[in-house]
Amino acid sequence: MKSIGIKIFIIVIFVIGIINIPSFSRAETQIDVQEGEIGVNTSPNNPQPYKNVTINLISYATDLNMATITWQTDSGIVLYGIGKTSYTFQTGGPNTTTTFDITIAPPGSMSTIKKQVIINPSEIELMWESADGYTPPFYRGKSLPISGALIKVVAIPNTNTIKSGNGDVSYSWKNNDDAVLDASGYNKNSFVFKNSMFDKTNKITVNASSVNGDYSAENTVEIPLFNPEMIFYKKSPIEGVLYNNGFKKEVSFKEDEITIVGEPYFLSVKGKENNLLYTWKINDEIVQTPTKKTELTIRPDSHGGYATINFIMENTRELFQNVEGLLKINL
């Protein structure tokens, strides 16, 4: 009888111990999510003026699809609800700022998290031209790149801070998606490169950002290649070369002496004069190259017929860098 009483006592103590084990609510065991565990990204990364941009909230520490999220700007709440992890809007013009104050209440958390996103739409223009291509005097356009030419690209940030000369900018250049480290760096707003004969176009990308963080922009331009073109002009003894009246394929002259000038538009000639070969032909026969190599003077023996003039210029150091002009002269 005595041993039975001891067993009952032990069982009663064990049951009471189980009942008295402290319990913890789900809220008391929930580990609060920290601000750094919720990230923000934008698409695109560098929004341009008047373009749609999407802001996304991401986290691996909590399920944001179950969180209550409030998006607010200076004009008030623009988005509210459970799982509202993204917001799309249209940016303003250059030098405008849109600020989003985001409040996140993760599921089961005892506190909220606040994030602030500032969108400064930035714009950067890319201007390009051939760095060694030829254009005659008074030509109003830019020199267009041809195969094997040097091409210069200049980045022009569109923001009042940069335009006023305040703040340095770092530029990162890419040529056909390949980073160009030598051309990148602080205040390196231009990039000069040689086109490969195998590239029909060149895709140039620049990313520019100010040191103080107020400006960040990116832009890409596709630079096509062109063919050089030979255009002939008449040279007047009094007025000089008549650049306002180029000849196409046929022209009539009644003078006893005619001087024509061949202008090789866009051919890479700057700094390469020693590499150039000049060939003049009259009725398919090569004639002696004149002293002024791009000018040919013709003195017809009689009038009533015609002559065919060919002028060829080529860069002997570059494949595919040549241009030929053909002109029929009615005498």
Protein backbone atom coordinates (compact mmCIF):
# COMPACT_ATOMS: atom_id res chain seq x y z
CA MET A 1 0.00 0.00 0.00
CA LYS A 2 2.85 2.37 0.74
CA SER A 3 4.51 1.96 -2.66
CA ILE A 4 1.25 2.65 -4.48
CA GLY A 5 0.87 6.01 -2.78
CA ILE A 6 4.31 7.12 -3.96
CA LYS A 7 3.53 6.34 -7.58
CA ILE A 8 0.32 8.34 -7.45
CA PHE A 9 2.18 11.28 -5.96
CA ILE A 10 4.79 11.23 -8.73
CA ILE A 11 2.13 11.15 -11.41
CA VAL A 12 0.29 14.09 -9.88
CA ILE A 13 3.49 16.14 -9.74
CA PHE A 14 4.27 15.32 -13.40
CA VAL A 15 0.80 16.37 -14.55
CA ILE A 16 0.98 19.62 -12.60
CA GLY A 17 4.39 20.35 -14.16
CA ILE A 18 3.00 19.96 -17.64
CA ILE A 19 0.12 22.29 -16.85
CA ASN A 20 2.46 24.96 -15.47
CA ILE A 21 4.80 25.04 -18.52
CA PRO A 22 4.71 28.67 -19.74
CA SER A 23 3.13 29.24 -23.19
CA PHE A 24 4.20 31.85 -25.80
CA SER A 25 1.91 33.54 -28.28
CA ARG A 26 2.79 33.74 -32.02
CA ALA A 27 3.30 37.49 -31.65
CA GLU A 28 5.81 36.97 -28.85
CA THR A 29 7.86 34.51 -30.92
CA GLN A 30 7.74 36.55 -34.18
CA ILE A 31 11.14 37.98 -35.11
CA ASP A 32 10.71 41.52 -36.40
CA VAL A 33 11.85 42.18 -39.97
CA GLN A 34 14.59 44.80 -40.26
CA GLU A 35 14.58 47.65 -42.75
CA GLY A 36 17.67 46.33 -44.49
CA GLU A 37 15.89 43.05 -45.21
CA ILE A 38 13.47 44.78 -47.58
CA GLY A 39 14.97 46.03 -50.82
CA VAL A 40 13.78 48.41 -53.51
CA ASN A 41 14.53 48.44 -57.22
CA THR A 42 13.25 50.42 -60.15
CA SER A 43 12.66 49.44 -63.74
CA PRO A 44 14.32 50.97 -65.64
CA ASN A 45 17.23 51.64 -63.30
CA ASN A 46 17.77 55.15 -64.65
CA PRO A 47 14.32 56.56 -65.50
CA GLN A 48 14.08 59.18 -68.22
CA PRO A 49 11.70 62.16 -68.19
CA TYR A 50 8.06 61.51 -69.10
CA LYS A 51 8.55 57.72 -69.10
CA ASN A 52 6.84 54.96 -67.12
CA VAL A 53 8.86 53.60 -64.22
CA THR A 54 7.96 50.72 -61.89
CA ILE A 55 9.10 50.57 -58.26
CA ASN A 56 9.31 47.07 -56.77
CA LEU A 57 9.67 45.92 -53.14
CA ILE A 58 11.57 42.67 -52.60
CA SER A 59 12.42 40.61 -49.50
CA TYR A 60 13.65 37.14 -48.63
CA ALA A 61 13.03 37.66 -44.92
CA THR A 62 9.24 37.99 -45.03
CA ASP A 63 6.35 37.35 -47.38
CA LEU A 64 5.51 40.81 -48.70
CA ASN A 65 2.45 39.40 -50.46
CA MET A 66 0.90 39.08 -46.99
CA ALA A 67 2.08 42.50 -45.78
CA THR A 68 -0.04 45.63 -45.62
CA ILE A 69 1.72 48.29 -47.69
CA THR A 70 1.00 52.01 -48.00
CA TRP A 71 2.48 54.16 -50.79
CA GLN A 72 2.35 57.91 -50.23
CA THR A 73 3.62 60.99 -52.06
CA ASP A 74 3.27 64.71 -51.42
CA SER A 75 -0.21 64.51 -52.93
CA GLY A 76 -1.35 61.79 -50.51
CA ILE A 77 -1.80 58.02 -50.54
CA VAL A 78 -1.51 56.64 -54.07
CA LEU A 79 -1.68 52.92 -53.26
CA TYR A 80 -2.77 50.87 -50.23
CA GLY A 81 -3.51 47.24 -49.48
CA ILE A 82 -2.20 43.77 -48.81
CA GLY A 83 0.54 42.61 -51.15
CA LYS A 84 0.89 45.94 -52.98
CA THR A 85 4.58 45.37 -53.69
CA SER A 86 4.89 47.44 -56.86
CA TYR A 87 3.77 50.79 -58.20
CA THR A 88 4.03 52.22 -61.72
CA PHE A 89 3.85 55.89 -62.58
CA GLN A 90 5.04 58.38 -65.19
CA THR A 91 8.01 60.53 -64.31
CA GLY A 92 8.03 64.29 -64.65
CA GLY A 93 10.40 66.40 -66.70
CA PRO A 94 14.12 66.90 -66.14
CA ASN A 95 15.05 68.37 -62.75
CA THR A 96 11.80 67.17 -61.15
CA THR A 97 11.69 64.93 -58.07
CA THR A 98 9.04 62.46 -56.94
CA THR A 99 9.36 61.09 -53.40
CA PHE A 100 7.57 57.96 -52.19
CA ASP A 101 7.19 57.20 -48.49
CA ILE A 102 6.39 53.52 -48.18
CA THR A 103 5.09 51.95 -44.95
CA ILE A 104 5.24 48.16 -44.67
CA ALA A 105 3.49 46.11 -41.96
CA PRO A 106 4.79 42.51 -42.33
CA PRO A 107 2.39 39.73 -41.27
CA GLY A 108 2.65 38.98 -37.56
CA SER A 109 5.20 41.73 -36.93
CA MET A 110 4.90 44.01 -33.91
CA SER A 111 6.25 47.03 -35.85
CA THR A 112 6.21 48.64 -39.27
CA ILE A 113 9.03 49.40 -41.65
CA LYS A 114 9.40 52.64 -43.56
CA LYS A 115 11.21 53.01 -46.87
CA GLN A 116 11.71 56.15 -48.92
CA VAL A 117 12.26 56.16 -52.67
CA ILE A 118 13.30 59.31 -54.53
CA ILE A 119 12.96 59.37 -58.32
CA ASN A 120 14.94 62.00 -60.22
CA PRO A 121 14.37 61.46 -63.94
CA SER A 122 17.59 62.15 -65.78
CA GLU A 123 18.31 62.49 -69.47
CA ILE A 124 21.50 62.30 -71.45
CA GLU A 125 21.91 62.89 -75.16
CA LEU A 126 24.44 61.19 -77.40
CA MET A 127 25.80 63.08 -80.40
CA TRP A 128 28.02 61.32 -82.93
CA GLU A 129 29.93 61.98 -86.12
CA SER A 130 32.92 60.74 -88.08
CA ALA A 131 36.10 62.10 -86.50
CA ASP A 132 38.20 61.79 -89.67
CA GLY A 133 35.58 61.95 -92.42
CA TYR A 134 35.77 64.71 -95.00
CA THR A 135 33.11 67.30 -95.80
CA PRO A 136 33.70 70.32 -98.06
CA PRO A 137 33.49 73.96 -96.93
CA PHE A 138 30.02 75.34 -96.15
CA TYR A 139 28.59 71.86 -95.67
CA ARG A 140 25.86 72.18 -93.03
CA GLY A 141 25.60 68.55 -92.00
CA LYS A 142 27.91 66.33 -90.01
CA SER A 143 30.43 63.91 -91.41
CA LEU A 144 28.91 60.43 -91.58
CA PRO A 145 30.99 57.38 -90.58
CA ILE A 146 32.08 54.79 -93.13
CA SER A 147 33.74 51.41 -92.74
CA GLY A 148 37.07 51.74 -90.93
CA ALA A 149 36.45 55.34 -89.89
CA LEU A 150 37.11 57.00 -86.56
CA ILE A 151 33.84 57.80 -84.83
CA LYS A 152 33.40 60.32 -82.03
CA VAL A 153 30.50 60.15 -79.57
CA VAL A 154 29.81 62.97 -77.11
CA ALA A 155 27.53 62.65 -74.07
CA ILE A 156 25.49 65.72 -73.08
CA PRO A 157 23.73 65.48 -69.69
CA ASN A 158 20.38 67.24 -69.50
CA THR A 159 20.12 68.60 -65.98
CA ASN A 160 20.46 72.10 -64.60
CA THR A 161 23.11 71.06 -62.08
CA ILE A 162 25.42 69.66 -64.71
CA LYS A 163 24.70 72.40 -67.25
CA SER A 164 25.67 75.05 -64.71
CA GLY A 165 29.05 73.43 -64.31
CA ASN A 166 28.45 72.29 -60.72
CA GLY A 167 29.51 68.75 -59.86
CA ASP A 168 31.77 66.26 -61.61
CA VAL A 169 30.33 63.41 -63.62
CA SER A 170 31.72 59.93 -64.10
CA TYR A 171 31.10 58.28 -67.46
CA SER A 172 31.14 54.56 -68.24
CA TRP A 173 31.26 53.69 -71.93
CA LYS A 174 30.39 50.45 -73.72
CA ASN A 175 30.96 49.53 -77.35
CA ASN A 176 28.66 46.72 -78.51
CA ASP A 177 28.09 45.74 -74.85
CA ASP A 178 31.84 45.56 -74.13
CA ALA A 179 33.07 47.92 -71.41
CA VAL A 180 35.69 50.42 -72.58
CA LEU A 181 37.74 51.08 -69.46
CA ASP A 182 40.28 53.42 -71.07
CA ALA A 183 37.54 55.79 -72.23
CA SER A 184 35.61 55.71 -68.94
CA GLY A 185 36.16 57.89 -65.89
CA TYR A 186 35.55 61.30 -64.37
CA ASN A 187 34.51 63.98 -66.86
CA LYS A 188 35.30 61.72 -69.85
CA ASN A 189 32.20 62.80 -71.76
CA SER A 190 33.47 61.76 -75.20
CA PHE A 191 34.55 58.49 -76.74
CA VAL A 192 36.51 58.03 -79.97
CA PHE A 193 36.84 54.59 -81.54
CA LYS A 194 37.61 53.01 -84.87
CA ASN A 195 34.84 51.17 -86.62
CA SER A 196 35.62 47.62 -87.61
CA MET A 197 35.18 46.71 -91.24
CA PHE A 198 33.05 43.77 -90.04
CA ASP A 199 30.57 45.90 -88.07
CA LYS A 200 27.58 47.21 -89.99
CA THR A 201 26.50 49.25 -86.97
CA ASN A 202 27.98 50.23 -83.62
CA LYS A 203 25.91 50.16 -80.43
CA ILE A 204 27.34 52.68 -77.98
CA THR A 205 26.07 52.93 -74.40
CA VAL A 206 27.01 55.49 -71.77
CA ASN A 207 26.14 55.57 -68.08
CA ALA A 208 26.71 58.91 -66.40
CA SER A 209 26.43 59.73 -62.71
CA SER A 210 27.41 62.73 -60.64
CA VAL A 211 29.76 62.41 -57.70
CA ASN A 212 27.20 63.88 -55.30
CA GLY A 213 24.56 61.37 -56.40
CA ASP A 214 22.07 63.96 -57.70
CA TYR A 215 22.30 62.78 -61.30
CA SER A 216 22.29 59.36 -62.95
CA ALA A 217 21.37 58.59 -66.54
CA GLU A 218 21.97 56.05 -69.27
CA ASN A 219 21.46 56.06 -73.00
CA THR A 220 22.26 53.86 -75.98
CA VAL A 221 22.62 54.82 -79.62
CA GLU A 222 22.92 52.68 -82.73
CA ILE A 223 25.38 54.29 -85.16
CA PRO A 224 24.91 53.12 -88.76
CA LEU A 225 27.56 53.13 -91.45
CA PHE A 226 27.29 54.99 -94.73
CA ASN A 227 28.96 54.89 -98.11
CA PRO A 228 31.22 57.75 -99.19
CA GLU A 229 30.02 59.78 -102.15
CA MET A 230 31.85 61.76 -104.80
CA ILE A 231 30.20 65.00 -105.93
CA PHE A 232 31.60 67.28 -108.64
CA TYR A 233 31.50 71.07 -108.67
CA LYS A 234 32.52 73.74 -111.13
CA LYS A 235 35.39 76.02 -110.21
CA SER A 236 35.00 79.58 -111.44
CA PRO A 237 38.13 81.70 -112.05
CA ILE A 238 36.41 84.59 -110.24
CA GLU A 239 34.06 83.05 -107.65
CA GLY A 240 36.00 79.91 -106.80
CA VAL A 241 34.31 76.56 -106.28
CA LEU A 242 30.54 76.85 -106.70
CA TYR A 243 29.50 74.66 -103.80
CA ASN A 244 25.88 75.73 -104.17
CA ASN A 245 25.55 73.79 -107.42
CA GLY A 246 26.79 70.22 -107.41
CA PHE A 247 26.74 68.10 -110.55
CA LYS A 248 25.01 64.76 -110.65
CA LYS A 249 25.82 62.51 -113.60
CA GLU A 250 25.70 64.82 -116.60
CA VAL A 251 26.41 68.48 -117.29
CA SER A 252 26.87 70.74 -120.33
CA PHE A 253 29.67 73.29 -120.85
CA LYS A 254 30.34 75.69 -123.69
CA GLU A 255 33.51 77.27 -122.31
CA ASP A 256 36.92 76.70 -123.88
CA GLU A 257 38.32 75.68 -120.51
CA ILE A 258 36.54 73.82 -117.72
CA THR A 259 37.78 73.10 -114.21
CA ILE A 260 35.90 70.60 -112.12
CA VAL A 261 36.48 69.69 -108.49
CA GLY A 262 35.73 66.30 -106.98
CA GLU A 263 34.72 66.29 -103.32
CA PRO A 264 34.88 62.88 -101.55
CA TYR A 265 32.13 63.22 -98.96
CA PHE A 266 32.78 61.23 -95.74
CA LEU A 267 35.97 59.53 -96.94
CA SER A 268 38.46 59.22 -94.06
CA VAL A 269 41.10 61.74 -95.12
CA LYS A 270 41.87 63.84 -92.03
CA GLY A 271 45.42 63.10 -90.99
CA LYS A 272 45.73 60.46 -93.71
CA GLU A 273 46.72 62.58 -96.71
CA ASN A 274 49.86 60.52 -97.30
CA ASN A 275 47.79 57.35 -97.60
CA LEU A 276 45.48 58.65 -100.32
CA LEU A 277 45.66 57.61 -103.95
CA TYR A 278 44.11 59.86 -106.63
CA THR A 279 43.17 58.56 -110.08
CA TRP A 280 41.66 60.67 -112.87
CA LYS A 281 40.38 59.17 -116.12
CA ILE A 282 39.08 60.79 -119.29
CA ASN A 283 37.14 58.42 -121.53
CA ASP A 284 38.50 55.47 -119.46
CA GLU A 285 42.14 56.51 -119.96
CA ILE A 286 44.22 57.46 -116.92
CA VAL A 287 45.59 60.98 -117.09
CA GLN A 288 48.37 62.58 -115.06
CA THR A 289 47.29 63.57 -111.56
CA PRO A 290 47.03 67.37 -111.38
CA THR A 291 49.04 69.47 -108.95
CA LYS A 292 45.83 70.16 -107.07
CA LYS A 293 44.87 66.53 -106.86
CA THR A 294 41.11 67.00 -106.56
CA GLU A 295 40.87 69.46 -109.47
CA LEU A 296 40.94 68.68 -113.18
CA THR A 297 41.00 71.26 -115.96
CA ILE A 298 39.72 70.26 -119.41
CA ARG A 299 40.42 72.15 -122.62
CA PRO A 300 38.36 70.56 -125.42
CA ASP A 301 39.72 70.74 -128.97
CA SER A 302 36.21 71.25 -130.30
CA HIS A 303 32.61 71.37 -129.19
CA GLY A 304 29.74 69.12 -130.08
CA GLY A 305 30.78 65.88 -128.43
CA TYR A 306 31.09 64.67 -124.86
CA ALA A 307 33.69 63.37 -122.45
CA THR A 308 33.37 60.92 -119.57
CA ILE A 309 35.28 61.85 -116.41
CA ASN A 310 36.14 59.35 -113.68
CA PHE A 311 37.73 60.34 -110.40
CA ILE A 312 38.73 57.71 -107.82
CA MET A 313 40.08 58.33 -104.34
CA GLU A 314 41.11 55.55 -102.01
CA ASN A 315 42.84 55.11 -98.70
CA THR A 316 45.62 52.61 -99.36
CA ARG A 317 45.85 51.68 -95.66
CA GLU A 318 42.20 50.73 -95.22
CA LEU A 319 40.13 48.14 -97.05
CA PHE A 320 36.84 49.32 -98.52
CA GLN A 321 37.76 52.99 -98.11
CA ASN A 322 37.40 54.27 -101.63
CA VAL A 323 34.99 56.41 -103.57
CA GLU A 324 34.48 56.92 -107.27
CA GLY A 325 32.68 59.62 -109.19
CA LEU A 326 31.50 59.54 -112.79
CA LEU A 327 30.54 62.64 -114.76
CA LYS A 328 29.49 63.00 -118.39
CA ILE A 329 30.37 66.40 -119.85
CA ASN A 330 28.57 67.58 -122.97
CA LEU A 331 30.95 69.88 -124.83
